[in-house]
Protein backbone atom coordinates (compact mmCIF):
# COMPACT_ATOMS: atom_id res chain seq x y z
CA UNK A 1 0.03 0.15 0.08
CA UNK A 2 1.79 3.28 -0.86
CA UNK A 3 1.65 6.45 1.40
CA UNK A 4 -1.31 8.59 1.12
CA UNK A 5 -0.57 11.89 0.01
CA UNK A 6 2.64 13.86 0.89
CA UNK A 7 3.71 14.25 4.36
CA UNK A 8 1.04 17.19 5.32
CA UNK A 9 -1.26 16.58 2.62
CA UNK A 10 -4.47 17.09 5.32
CA UNK A 11 -8.32 15.96 4.26
CA UNK A 12 -10.57 18.08 6.44
CA UNK A 13 -11.14 15.23 9.34
CA UNK A 14 -13.46 15.14 12.10
CA UNK A 15 -12.92 15.70 15.94
CA UNK A 16 -10.43 14.04 18.04
CA UNK A 17 -12.27 12.95 20.62
CA UNK A 18 -9.99 11.85 22.48
CA UNK A 19 -7.96 9.76 19.21
CA UNK A 20 -4.80 11.31 19.73
CA UNK A 21 -1.90 9.38 21.76
CA UNK A 22 1.93 10.41 22.40
CA UNK A 23 4.38 7.96 23.92
CA UNK A 24 7.98 9.24 24.96
CA UNK A 25 10.55 6.56 24.83
CA UNK A 26 11.61 7.38 28.00
CA UNK A 27 8.12 7.82 29.33
CA UNK A 28 6.89 4.99 27.73
CA UNK A 29 9.16 2.51 28.09
CA UNK A 30 13.02 2.09 28.15
CA UNK A 31 15.63 4.92 27.79
CA UNK A 32 18.94 4.31 27.14
CA UNK A 33 21.41 5.03 29.28
CA UNK A 34 23.82 6.05 26.35
CA UNK A 35 21.44 8.10 24.75
CA UNK A 36 21.44 11.65 25.64
CA UNK A 37 17.69 12.18 24.71
CA UNK A 38 17.01 9.22 27.08
CA UNK A 39 14.88 11.40 29.51
CA UNK A 40 11.57 10.43 30.57
CA UNK A 41 8.85 13.44 29.31
CA UNK A 42 5.11 13.32 27.94
CA UNK A 43 2.78 15.80 27.02
CA UNK A 44 -0.24 16.78 29.37
CA UNK A 45 -3.10 14.85 27.41
CA UNK A 46 -6.14 17.11 25.48
CA UNK A 47 -4.58 20.24 24.68
CA UNK A 48 -1.06 20.01 26.03
CA UNK A 49 -0.72 22.57 27.79
CA UNK A 50 1.59 21.07 29.80
CA UNK A 51 5.36 19.33 29.24
CA UNK A 52 6.67 17.28 31.83
CA UNK A 53 10.08 16.21 32.14
CA UNK A 54 12.38 14.29 34.21
CA UNK A 55 16.15 15.24 34.03
CA UNK A 56 19.25 12.78 34.74
CA UNK A 57 18.97 14.45 38.82
CA UNK A 58 16.02 13.16 39.51
CA UNK A 59 14.23 16.46 39.31
CA UNK A 60 10.73 16.84 37.60
CA UNK A 61 9.72 20.33 35.64
CA UNK A 62 6.65 20.71 34.08
CA UNK A 63 6.81 23.52 31.90
CA UNK A 64 3.66 25.65 30.54
CA UNK A 65 3.83 25.03 26.30
CA UNK A 66 1.90 28.33 25.52
CA UNK A 67 4.63 30.57 26.51
CA UNK A 68 7.86 28.42 27.33
CA UNK A 69 7.81 28.83 31.14
CA UNK A 70 8.56 26.36 34.37
CA UNK A 71 5.25 26.03 36.26
CA UNK A 72 6.29 23.44 38.61
CA UNK A 73 9.45 21.69 39.84
CA UNK A 74 9.77 18.96 42.24
CA UNK A 75 12.54 17.40 43.56
CA UNK A 76 11.57 13.53 45.28
CA UNK A 77 13.02 13.07 48.66
CA UNK A 78 15.00 9.88 47.80
CA UNK A 79 15.54 11.43 44.41
CA UNK A 80 19.08 10.74 43.66
CA UNK A 81 18.79 6.55 45.08
CA UNK A 82 15.41 6.38 43.01
CA UNK A 83 15.69 8.21 39.66
CA UNK A 84 12.70 8.98 37.29
CA UNK A 85 12.31 6.11 34.90
CA UNK A 86 8.99 6.79 33.30
CA UNK A 87 6.16 9.01 33.73
CA UNK A 88 2.70 9.43 32.23
CA UNK A 89 0.04 12.11 32.83
CA UNK A 90 -3.27 10.53 34.41
CA UNK A 91 -6.16 11.20 31.26
CA UNK A 92 -8.93 14.10 32.04
CA UNK A 93 -10.99 13.81 35.23
CA UNK A 94 -14.33 12.38 34.22
CA UNK A 95 -16.98 15.08 35.26
CA UNK A 96 -21.16 14.75 35.98
CA UNK A 97 -23.16 14.06 33.07
CA UNK A 98 -26.53 15.79 32.21
CA UNK A 99 -29.11 13.68 33.26
CA UNK A 100 -32.57 13.19 30.90
CA UNK A 101 -34.65 13.98 33.76
CA UNK A 102 -33.41 17.47 35.16
CA UNK A 103 -31.58 20.47 33.29
CA UNK A 104 -27.92 20.68 33.86
CA UNK A 105 -26.26 23.22 36.31
CA UNK A 106 -24.31 26.31 35.19
CA UNK A 107 -21.43 24.20 37.73
CA UNK A 108 -21.48 21.08 36.00
CA UNK A 109 -19.47 19.94 32.78
CA UNK A 110 -20.45 17.10 30.53
CA UNK A 111 -17.78 14.80 29.53
CA UNK A 112 -14.33 15.59 30.53
CA UNK A 113 -12.30 18.47 32.33
CA UNK A 114 -9.81 20.67 31.06
CA UNK A 115 -8.12 20.14 35.04
CA UNK A 116 -4.82 18.38 34.52
CA UNK A 117 -3.78 16.65 37.66
CA UNK A 118 -2.20 13.41 38.78
CA UNK A 119 1.39 12.18 36.87
CA UNK A 120 2.22 9.24 37.54
CA UNK A 121 6.42 8.62 38.33
CA UNK A 122 7.90 5.24 37.87
CA UNK A 123 11.07 5.09 39.98
CA UNK A 124 14.82 2.81 39.36
CA UNK A 125 13.75 1.04 42.72
CA UNK A 126 10.23 -0.01 41.63
CA UNK A 127 7.98 2.68 43.54
CA UNK A 128 5.31 5.08 41.84
CA UNK A 129 4.90 8.20 43.03
CA UNK A 130 1.49 9.75 42.15
CA UNK A 131 1.87 14.00 41.76
CA UNK A 132 -0.66 16.14 42.20
CA UNK A 133 0.03 19.44 39.51
CA UNK A 134 -3.26 21.19 40.83
CA UNK A 135 -1.87 20.57 44.18
CA UNK A 136 2.00 21.38 43.46
CA UNK A 137 2.50 18.64 45.98
CA UNK A 138 3.11 14.53 45.71
CA UNK A 139 -0.58 12.86 46.17
CA UNK A 140 0.39 9.36 47.58
CA UNK A 141 3.05 6.42 46.96
CA UNK A 142 2.41 3.15 45.36
CA UNK A 143 4.62 0.49 46.99
CA UNK A 144 3.69 -2.44 48.97
CA UNK A 145 3.74 -5.11 46.98
CA UNK A 146 4.73 -3.85 43.83
CA UNK A 147 7.70 -4.07 42.31
CA UNK A 148 11.22 -5.19 43.71
CA UNK A 149 13.13 -3.36 40.54
CA UNK A 150 13.15 -0.49 37.97
CA UNK A 151 9.95 0.49 36.93
CA UNK A 152 9.58 0.47 32.85
CA UNK A 153 6.94 2.05 32.24
CA UNK A 154 3.59 3.25 33.57
CA UNK A 155 -0.18 3.14 31.86
CA UNK A 156 -3.13 4.68 33.16
CA UNK A 157 -6.48 2.96 32.00
CA UNK A 158 -8.82 5.44 30.33
CA UNK A 159 -11.76 5.07 32.47
CA UNK A 160 -11.41 3.17 35.88
CA UNK A 161 -8.59 5.65 37.08
CA UNK A 162 -6.52 2.13 37.53
CA UNK A 163 -2.62 2.03 36.83
CA UNK A 164 -0.58 -0.95 35.17
CA UNK A 165 2.93 -0.65 34.95
CA UNK A 166 5.72 -3.11 34.21
CA UNK A 167 9.69 -3.73 35.72
CA UNK A 168 12.69 -5.24 35.11
CA UNK A 169 11.34 -7.72 37.95
CA UNK A 170 9.33 -9.30 35.04
CA UNK A 171 5.86 -8.61 36.55
CA UNK A 172 3.36 -6.44 35.71
CA UNK A 173 0.88 -4.86 38.47
CA UNK A 174 -2.50 -3.38 38.66
CA UNK A 175 -2.73 -0.61 40.78
CA UNK A 176 -6.10 0.63 42.49
CA UNK A 177 -4.90 4.72 42.40
CA UNK A 178 -7.72 5.41 45.28
CA UNK A 179 -6.38 2.94 47.85
CA UNK A 180 -2.75 2.85 46.39
CA UNK A 181 -2.36 -0.87 46.97
CA UNK A 182 -1.68 -4.01 44.21
CA UNK A 183 -5.34 -4.95 42.48
CA UNK A 184 -3.65 -7.74 40.64
CA UNK A 185 0.48 -8.97 39.87
CA UNK A 186 1.12 -11.47 37.44
CA UNK A 187 4.31 -12.41 35.43
CA UNK A 188 4.53 -10.82 31.96
CA UNK A 189 7.68 -12.28 30.76
CA UNK A 190 10.43 -14.56 30.94
CA UNK A 191 12.55 -11.38 30.95
CA UNK A 192 12.06 -8.08 31.87
CA UNK A 193 8.80 -5.92 30.74
CA UNK A 194 9.56 -2.73 29.07
CA UNK A 195 6.52 -1.64 27.54
CA UNK A 196 2.78 -1.52 28.09
CA UNK A 197 -0.62 0.35 26.42
CA UNK A 198 -4.00 -0.78 26.71
CA UNK A 199 -6.44 -0.82 24.01
CA UNK A 200 -8.46 1.44 23.14
CA UNK A 201 -11.98 -0.10 24.20
CA UNK A 202 -9.75 -0.58 27.77
CA UNK A 203 -9.89 -4.70 27.61
CA UNK A 204 -7.14 -5.61 26.78
CA UNK A 205 -3.30 -4.67 27.17
CA UNK A 206 0.23 -5.14 25.28
CA UNK A 207 3.13 -6.22 27.52
CA UNK A 208 6.58 -6.51 25.52
CA UNK A 209 9.92 -7.41 26.70
CA UNK A 210 11.35 -8.58 23.20
CA UNK A 211 8.16 -10.50 22.15
CA UNK A 212 5.12 -8.63 22.27
CA UNK A 213 2.18 -10.25 24.37
CA UNK A 214 -1.88 -9.26 23.90
CA UNK A 215 -3.61 -10.02 27.73
CA UNK A 216 -7.30 -10.30 28.36
CA UNK A 217 -7.28 -7.62 31.67
CA UNK A 218 -10.22 -9.29 32.84
CA UNK A 219 -8.89 -12.89 33.04
CA UNK A 220 -5.21 -11.96 32.85
CA UNK A 221 -4.78 -14.59 29.93
CA UNK A 222 -2.43 -14.18 26.85
CA UNK A 223 -4.92 -13.34 23.79
CA UNK A 224 -2.58 -13.66 21.13
CA UNK A 225 1.40 -13.78 20.80
CA UNK A 226 3.28 -11.56 18.43
CA UNK A 227 7.27 -11.99 17.34
CA UNK A 228 8.50 -8.32 18.64
CA UNK A 229 11.87 -7.09 18.24
CA UNK A 230 15.89 -8.27 18.60
CA UNK A 231 16.29 -5.81 21.24
CA UNK A 232 14.33 -4.37 24.50
CA UNK A 233 10.65 -3.25 22.93
CA UNK A 234 10.34 1.14 24.29
CA UNK A 235 7.01 1.93 22.25
CA UNK A 236 3.99 0.58 22.21
CA UNK A 237 1.10 2.27 20.60
CA UNK A 238 -2.55 1.55 19.09
CA UNK A 239 -2.67 3.07 15.78
CA UNK A 240 -6.57 2.86 15.01
CA UNK A 241 -9.97 2.26 16.77
CA UNK A 242 -11.94 0.84 14.44
CA UNK A 243 -11.41 -2.29 11.74
CA UNK A 244 -10.41 -1.51 8.44
CA UNK A 245 -13.68 -3.93 7.48
CA UNK A 246 -16.60 -2.29 9.13
CA UNK A 247 -19.19 -4.33 7.24
CA UNK A 248 -18.01 -7.36 10.19
CA UNK A 249 -18.94 -7.55 13.90
CA UNK A 250 -16.07 -5.76 15.91
CA UNK A 251 -15.54 -7.26 19.47
CA UNK A 252 -12.80 -4.06 19.96
CA UNK A 253 -9.60 -5.85 19.33
CA UNK A 254 -9.88 -7.85 16.12
CA UNK A 255 -8.24 -5.99 12.90
CA UNK A 256 -6.78 -2.96 14.83
CA UNK A 257 -3.37 -1.98 14.18
CA UNK A 258 -0.63 -1.37 16.58
CA UNK A 259 2.84 0.33 16.35
CA UNK A 260 6.05 -0.54 18.21
CA UNK A 261 9.76 0.72 18.26
CA UNK A 262 13.07 -1.01 20.04
CA UNK A 263 16.25 0.05 21.43
CA UNK A 264 19.29 0.28 18.72
CA UNK A 265 16.46 -0.15 16.00
CA UNK A 266 15.85 2.10 13.62
CA UNK A 267 12.50 0.19 12.26
CA UNK A 268 8.90 0.59 13.43
CA UNK A 269 6.62 -2.43 12.94
CA UNK A 270 3.10 -1.99 12.39
CA UNK A 271 1.03 -4.75 13.66
CA UNK A 272 -2.87 -5.93 13.06
CA UNK A 273 -4.57 -7.92 15.58
CA UNK A 274 -5.60 -11.25 13.35
CA UNK A 275 -7.63 -14.33 14.26
CA UNK A 276 -6.09 -17.26 15.53
CA UNK A 277 -3.63 -19.23 13.93
CA UNK A 278 -2.72 -16.33 11.50
CA UNK A 279 0.20 -14.53 10.76
CA UNK A 280 2.05 -13.10 13.68
CA UNK A 281 5.18 -11.20 12.07
CA UNK A 282 4.62 -7.51 10.98
CA UNK A 283 2.81 -6.18 7.98
CA UNK A 284 5.05 -3.25 7.32
CA UNK A 285 7.51 -0.79 9.02
CA UNK A 286 8.30 2.80 8.89
CA UNK A 287 12.47 3.34 8.78
CA UNK A 288 14.04 6.45 10.14
CA UNK A 289 17.56 7.82 10.30
CA UNK A 290 18.33 6.49 14.19
CA UNK A 291 16.72 4.76 17.27
CA UNK A 292 13.34 6.22 17.83
CA UNK A 293 13.48 8.40 21.79
CA UNK A 294 10.11 9.82 21.01
CA UNK A 295 7.09 8.94 19.34
CA UNK A 296 3.79 10.91 19.06
CA UNK A 297 0.94 9.92 16.51
CA UNK A 298 -2.45 10.83 15.57
CA UNK A 299 -5.14 7.87 15.73
CA UNK A 300 -7.09 6.74 12.52
CA UNK A 301 -10.81 6.56 13.36
CA UNK A 302 -11.88 5.10 9.89
CA UNK A 303 -10.85 3.08 6.92
CA UNK A 304 -10.17 6.12 4.55
CA UNK A 305 -8.36 8.09 7.50
CA UNK A 306 -4.52 8.02 7.23
CA UNK A 307 -2.33 7.72 10.49
CA UNK A 308 0.17 10.62 11.20
CA UNK A 309 2.90 9.79 12.75
CA UNK A 310 5.85 11.71 14.37
CA UNK A 311 9.13 10.30 15.12
CA UNK A 312 12.16 12.11 17.17
CA UNK A 313 15.29 10.12 16.46
CA UNK A 314 18.19 10.06 18.80
CA UNK A 315 20.19 12.13 16.12
CA UNK A 316 17.37 15.06 17.40
CA UNK A 317 15.72 15.17 14.15
CA UNK A 318 12.24 14.50 13.64
CA UNK A 319 10.11 12.07 10.88
CA UNK A 320 7.11 12.77 9.78
CA UNK A 321 4.72 9.79 8.20
CA UNK A 322 1.46 9.77 6.88
CA UNK A 323 0.17 6.46 5.78
CA UNK A 324 -3.58 4.66 5.42
CA UNK A 325 -3.31 0.88 7.27
CA UNK A 326 -5.05 -1.61 5.03
CA UNK A 327 -2.69 -4.29 4.80
CA UNK A 328 0.43 -5.63 4.02
CA UNK A 329 3.66 -3.55 2.81
CA UNK A 330 6.79 -5.53 2.09
CA UNK A 331 9.40 -2.87 1.93
CA UNK A 332 9.67 -0.10 4.98
CA UNK A 333 8.55 3.42 4.48
CA UNK A 334 10.48 5.92 4.18
CA UNK A 335 9.15 9.29 6.13
CA UNK A 336 7.18 12.38 3.73
CA UNK A 337 9.11 14.79 5.52
CA UNK A 338 12.38 15.55 7.51
CA UNK A 339 12.39 18.30 10.23
CA UNK A 340 15.60 19.69 11.74
CA UNK A 341 17.00 22.45 13.55
CA UNK A 342 20.25 24.04 13.41
CA UNK A 343 21.98 27.90 14.43
CA UNK A 344 22.37 30.17 12.11
CA UNK A 345 25.89 30.79 12.21
CA UNK A 346 27.76 33.92 12.62
CA UNK A 347 30.20 35.43 9.99
CA UNK A 348 31.15 34.08 7.08
CA UNK A 349 33.62 31.26 8.98
CA UNK A 350 30.95 30.24 11.13
CA UNK A 351 29.39 26.81 10.64
CA UNK A 352 25.65 26.30 11.75
CA UNK A 353 25.56 23.58 14.49
CA UNK A 354 22.51 21.46 14.84
CA UNK A 355 20.42 22.02 17.48
CA UNK A 356 18.64 18.35 19.00
CA UNK A 357 14.84 17.79 18.74
CA UNK A 358 13.65 16.05 21.92
CA UNK A 359 10.44 15.72 21.39
CA UNK A 360 7.66 16.54 19.24
CA UNK A 361 3.51 16.92 19.34
CA UNK A 362 0.26 16.86 17.23
CA UNK A 363 -1.27 19.75 18.21
CA UNK A 364 -5.19 19.29 18.52
CA UNK A 365 -5.94 20.64 15.03
CA UNK A 366 -3.23 18.10 13.50
CA UNK A 367 -2.21 21.00 11.49
CA UNK A 368 0.71 21.84 13.76
CA UNK A 369 3.51 20.55 15.67
CA UNK A 370 4.77 21.34 18.82
CA UNK A 371 8.43 20.82 18.93
CA UNK A 372 10.73 20.77 22.40
CA UNK A 373 14.25 21.63 21.27
CA UNK A 374 17.70 22.77 23.00
CA UNK A 375 18.53 21.86 26.33
CA UNK A 376 16.61 19.23 29.14
CA UNK A 377 17.80 22.07 31.58
CA UNK A 378 16.08 24.66 29.77
CA UNK A 379 13.92 23.70 27.06
CA UNK A 380 12.60 25.54 24.23
CA UNK A 381 8.65 24.97 23.16
CA UNK A 382 7.77 26.05 19.92
CA UNK A 383 4.53 25.35 17.53
CA UNK A 384 5.27 25.27 14.00
CA UNK A 385 2.67 24.76 10.87
CA UNK A 386 3.50 21.67 8.77
CA UNK A 387 3.72 22.35 5.07
CA UNK A 388 3.04 20.06 2.12
CA UNK A 389 4.94 20.63 0.02
CA UNK A 390 8.49 20.43 1.22
CA UNK A 391 10.61 17.03 1.99
CA UNK A 392 12.97 18.35 4.13
CA UNK A 393 12.85 21.40 6.55
CA UNK A 394 15.73 23.07 8.44
CA UNK A 395 14.51 25.79 10.85
CA UNK A 396 16.88 28.23 11.86
CA UNK A 397 16.43 29.07 15.08
CA UNK A 398 19.48 31.62 17.42
CA UNK A 399 19.43 29.99 20.75
CA UNK A 400 22.53 31.72 22.61
CA UNK A 401 20.02 34.02 24.59
CA UNK A 402 18.09 31.55 26.26
CA UNK A 403 21.02 29.86 27.27
CA UNK A 404 23.18 33.32 28.46
CA UNK A 405 23.04 33.81 31.93
CA UNK A 406 23.68 37.01 33.53
CA UNK A 407 26.98 38.34 34.37
CA UNK A 408 28.07 40.25 37.50
CA UNK A 409 30.20 42.76 36.03
CA UNK A 410 30.23 45.17 39.14
CA UNK A 411 32.17 42.90 41.56
CA UNK A 412 32.81 39.57 39.92
CA UNK A 413 33.27 37.83 36.64
CA UNK A 414 31.21 35.66 37.40
CA UNK A 415 28.31 34.06 35.90
CA UNK A 416 24.59 32.83 37.29
CA UNK A 417 21.73 32.14 36.03
CA UNK A 418 18.57 34.05 36.38
CA UNK A 419 15.62 32.27 38.07
CA UNK A 420 12.05 32.86 36.99
CA UNK A 421 10.26 34.44 39.88
CA UNK A 422 6.80 33.12 39.02
CA UNK A 423 8.74 29.42 39.18
CA UNK A 424 7.67 27.34 41.90
CA UNK A 425 10.08 25.28 43.73
CA UNK A 426 8.92 22.51 45.75
CA UNK A 427 11.81 20.77 47.85
CA UNK A 428 11.09 18.42 50.62
CA UNK A 429 13.31 17.17 52.85
CA UNK A 430 15.95 19.54 54.31
CA UNK A 431 15.88 23.12 53.50
CA UNK A 432 18.71 24.29 50.89
CA UNK A 433 19.62 21.23 49.30
CA UNK A 434 19.16 23.06 46.26
CA UNK A 435 18.70 26.87 46.84
CA UNK A 436 17.99 29.10 43.20
CA UNK A 437 21.00 31.70 43.04
CA UNK A 438 19.25 35.26 42.63
CA UNK A 439 19.71 37.56 39.63
CA UNK A 440 22.62 39.66 39.66
CA UNK A 441 21.60 43.13 41.13
CA UNK A 442 21.49 46.11 38.61
CA UNK A 443 24.76 48.20 37.17
CA UNK A 444 25.12 51.00 38.93
CA UNK A 445 26.36 54.23 37.74
CA UNK A 446 29.50 54.05 39.23
CA UNK A 447 30.25 51.05 36.94
CA UNK A 448 28.62 52.62 33.44
CA UNK A 449 31.06 55.82 33.95
CA UNK A 450 34.30 52.85 34.55
CA UNK A 451 32.96 51.54 31.06
CA UNK A 452 32.84 55.24 29.53
CA UNK A 453 36.11 55.78 30.26
CA UNK A 454 37.31 51.95 29.24
CA UNK A 455 36.03 52.91 25.60
CA UNK A 456 39.60 56.10 26.00
CA UNK A 457 42.80 54.18 24.17
CA UNK A 458 44.77 52.95 27.31
CA UNK A 459 47.50 50.38 27.23
CA UNK A 460 47.56 46.83 27.03
CA UNK A 461 48.97 46.48 30.83
CA UNK A 462 46.04 49.39 32.25
CA UNK A 463 43.38 47.00 30.21
CA UNK A 464 44.72 43.75 31.76
CA UNK A 465 44.55 45.65 35.55
CA UNK A 466 40.95 46.57 35.19
CA UNK A 467 39.93 42.86 34.70
CA UNK A 468 41.27 42.27 38.49
CA UNK A 469 38.77 42.98 41.41
CA UNK A 470 39.42 45.83 43.14
CA UNK A 471 39.69 44.00 46.77
CA UNK A 472 40.60 47.51 48.68
CA UNK A 473 37.08 48.51 47.63
CA UNK A 474 35.83 45.56 48.59
CA UNK A 475 37.41 45.59 52.46
CA UNK A 476 34.73 47.29 53.39
CA UNK A 477 31.74 45.31 52.43
CA UNK A 478 30.83 41.88 53.62
CA UNK A 479 31.35 39.18 50.80
CA UNK A 480 28.20 38.38 48.56
CA UNK A 481 27.17 35.17 49.52
CA UNK A 482 25.26 34.77 45.70
CA UNK A 483 28.56 34.73 44.02
CA UNK A 484 30.65 32.03 46.58
CA UNK A 485 28.77 29.20 46.22
CA UNK A 486 29.44 29.93 42.42
CA UNK A 487 33.35 30.59 43.21
CA UNK A 488 33.39 26.89 45.13
CA UNK A 489 31.90 24.91 42.32
CA UNK A 490 33.65 26.27 39.97
CA UNK A 491 36.95 26.42 41.71
CA UNK A 492 36.52 22.36 42.59
CA UNK A 493 35.69 21.94 39.27
CA UNK A 494 38.89 23.39 38.01
CA UNK A 495 40.89 22.87 40.69
CA UNK A 496 41.51 26.48 41.01
CA UNK A 497 43.78 26.72 44.29
CA UNK A 498 43.56 30.81 44.61
CA UNK A 499 39.81 30.79 43.83
CA UNK A 500 38.90 28.00 46.37
CA UNK A 501 41.51 30.17 48.98
CA UNK A 502 39.16 32.92 48.35
CA UNK A 503 35.98 31.10 49.68
CA UNK A 504 37.42 28.51 52.36
CA UNK A 505 39.70 30.98 54.36
CA UNK A 506 36.71 32.84 55.15
CA UNK A 507 36.00 32.33 58.93
CA UNK A 508 32.33 34.16 58.97
CA UNK A 509 30.34 30.78 60.16
CA UNK A 510 26.94 32.74 58.60
CA UNK A 511 28.58 33.12 55.19
CA UNK A 512 29.78 29.54 55.14
CA UNK A 513 26.33 28.44 56.23
CA UNK A 514 24.95 30.14 53.46
CA UNK A 515 27.71 29.14 50.89
CA UNK A 516 26.78 25.81 51.76
CA UNK A 517 23.15 26.65 51.54
CA UNK A 518 23.17 27.15 48.32
CA UNK A 519 25.59 25.10 46.55
CA UNK A 520 24.56 22.23 43.60
CA UNK A 521 24.30 18.65 45.17
CA UNK A 522 27.04 16.97 42.50
CA UNK A 523 29.71 19.43 44.58
CA UNK A 524 29.29 17.93 48.16
CA UNK A 525 31.48 15.07 47.29
CA UNK A 526 34.27 16.80 46.22
CA UNK A 527 33.72 19.66 48.60
CA UNK A 528 34.22 16.99 51.29
CA UNK A 529 37.53 15.29 49.30
CA UNK A 530 39.03 18.72 49.08
CA UNK A 531 38.15 19.69 52.84
CA UNK A 532 39.63 16.27 53.73
CA UNK A 533 43.15 17.08 51.91
CA UNK A 534 43.44 20.22 53.40
CA UNK A 535 42.63 18.62 57.08
CA UNK A 536 45.92 17.13 56.49
CA UNK A 537 47.86 20.39 55.99
CA UNK A 538 48.74 23.13 58.46
CA UNK A 539 47.03 23.78 61.73
CA UNK A 540 45.71 27.46 61.34
CA UNK A 541 44.60 25.79 57.67
CA UNK A 542 42.85 23.02 59.53
CA UNK A 543 40.81 25.04 61.96
CA UNK A 544 38.74 26.66 59.82
CA UNK A 545 37.96 23.68 57.40
CA UNK A 546 36.52 21.76 60.43
CA UNK A 547 33.73 24.99 60.14
CA UNK A 548 33.41 23.88 56.45
CA UNK A 549 33.17 20.40 57.71
CA UNK A 550 30.50 20.23 59.86
CA UNK A 551 28.27 22.65 58.17
CA UNK A 552 28.56 20.44 54.95
CA UNK A 553 28.03 17.22 57.32
CA UNK A 554 24.51 19.07 58.93
CA UNK A 555 23.26 20.81 55.86
CA UNK A 556 23.53 17.83 53.63
CA UNK A 557 23.31 14.62 55.84
CA UNK A 558 20.39 13.36 54.21
CA UNK A 559 21.88 13.72 50.58
CA UNK A 560 25.05 11.79 52.08
CA UNK A 561 23.03 8.84 52.99
CA UNK A 562 21.67 8.21 49.94
CA UNK A 563 24.60 7.20 48.08
CA UNK A 564 25.81 3.64 47.89
CA UNK A 565 29.11 4.48 47.58
CA UNK A 566 29.51 6.94 50.59
CA UNK A 567 32.03 4.78 52.80
CA UNK A 568 34.61 4.11 49.66
CA UNK A 569 34.47 7.63 49.06
CA UNK A 570 35.02 9.72 52.17
CA UNK A 571 37.38 6.17 54.06
CA UNK A 572 39.79 8.79 53.81
CA UNK A 573 38.04 11.70 56.03
CA UNK A 574 36.79 8.67 58.25
CA UNK A 575 40.16 7.09 58.96
CA UNK A 576 41.17 10.53 59.53
CA UNK A 577 39.16 12.00 61.99
CA UNK A 578 38.48 8.75 64.19
CA UNK A 579 42.77 8.82 64.47
CA UNK A 580 42.25 12.75 65.47
CA UNK A 581 39.24 11.56 68.36
CA UNK A 582 41.66 8.73 68.96
CA UNK A 583 44.69 11.23 70.10
CA UNK A 584 42.16 13.63 71.83
CA UNK A 585 42.21 11.75 75.02
CA UNK A 586 45.89 11.54 75.56
CA UNK A 587 46.07 15.69 74.52
CA UNK A 588 43.91 16.45 76.80
CA UNK A 589 45.42 14.20 79.95
CA UNK A 590 48.95 15.87 78.58
CA UNK A 591 47.38 19.30 78.96
CA UNK A 592 46.15 19.01 81.97
CA UNK A 593 49.88 17.71 83.20
CA UNK A 594 51.24 20.85 81.64
CA UNK A 595 49.09 24.04 83.33
CA UNK A 596 49.52 21.90 86.54
CA UNK A 597 53.20 22.59 86.13
CA UNK A 598 53.21 25.50 85.48
CA UNK A 599 51.08 26.70 87.55
CA UNK A 600 53.22 25.13 90.75
CA UNK A 601 56.27 26.83 88.86
CA UNK A 602 54.66 30.12 88.72
CA UNK A 603 54.00 29.86 92.51
CA UNK A 604 57.50 29.08 93.55
CA UNK A 605 58.71 32.20 91.79
């Protein structure tokens, strides 16, 4: 069956009525650890108002797609030991429907609500967290009787509110999200189960490790087997909701098509659920340039409506397909359109650099696409209209301003990121584990006058001297606490002895505490190792290091307790402290005897 039309040769279609679906390779399956784009992420259902992603440091960030603003940020208490491996938005909550006996109240809504609430997060330790985006806090935890290994995929049931999860422990678990208890648990495969998908009628469940199985949810029995892939399946998603032959009676599953993608596999296979003893191999396949990391499609509601597919690959490109599913196709189908993003390239000699596309989702009108590109920590979300003519589209975007931090040129040469004042940051556990650095204060008139004077022709020696920090001027002022955490982090990363001395030789206890509170978590272990090295040096330096050591161990105790290799990393520090404690009693006795002798000698004189 040849492809239908061009990449975006759209015909007028009916409303979706929930007939679009999205699945991220990280949010709905296995995230390849070698892939930089293998991060769990997903658009919210209905109008895609939000985009949620869980970064490698265990933090959940929810972005508003309309204005590209950070809506919420959540850090689980055990985010480092139990990082997020998959996530899934709950379907829109059902509201009261209109009764035929009475009129509808104004406060009641028919059908589904536009309010998006729960977000399920699967972790590496087997637990599942339900986060409420409406309340901005953790709603509940699903732990007891569940998984004892990494959760690979989460799927919400569209009607009854149940949750299905699969794991490396080879099991599939059905959860009751109201009671937070397990309804049913059964073995899904002889190896790890990596992906799940619920049928459009909600009565069947697809599961996959390397082979694909179709389960009857009521009896938990296998209904069909499919060949699958040579590597773990990372994506499963139904592409049709009605069979191609509508003249025959429909049982809810026979005749439907579904799509599967796998790790390190450049082919996306399409399968059809057929009658018993029929062919179990794929009926067709789509080929892409690299491993798929995010898949989005619009469901086909009838046999004449094509399936529109957007595949984000590991190489940062988006491939668009449009095809009517009507039987076998031996040759793999290539994309109708490919979208790339690149920098403009400044000057004749500079070369434009590609910008990776992280995720892509069809808008509700099916005529435009939401693109997420750039960095996972500061993604850019843009709506792009689809064109039906060009087979290859390269968008030129300048993202240097989006990532450029503000520079404090008044007293330091340190760059600090600017925090959005409207962002809501939630940090449970010990306060201060991740304190944002405040934006730089506005420049004073004195600095502006200095810049004007600097425009005159002066010698190179004077220009180099102007770059140095005016230490005499700063003697009367207190140190700026917002620059100390940045200086400390940069000094630890670059092993700059002079920069570390400037921070670690301070004697202000309040400044030490504020610096430790604001420093990033990844710098805690390097700081402890630097303090250990300095404790073995000069006694005067060791006295100062004890103050830093005490503050670090007090503030970041909960983080240090989550590290699995803490003994190996801090073994030297522990032995150093233990050896000095052992000699403390002897030194105290010697100190007492010396004081006694000195007092007796002074009396005799």
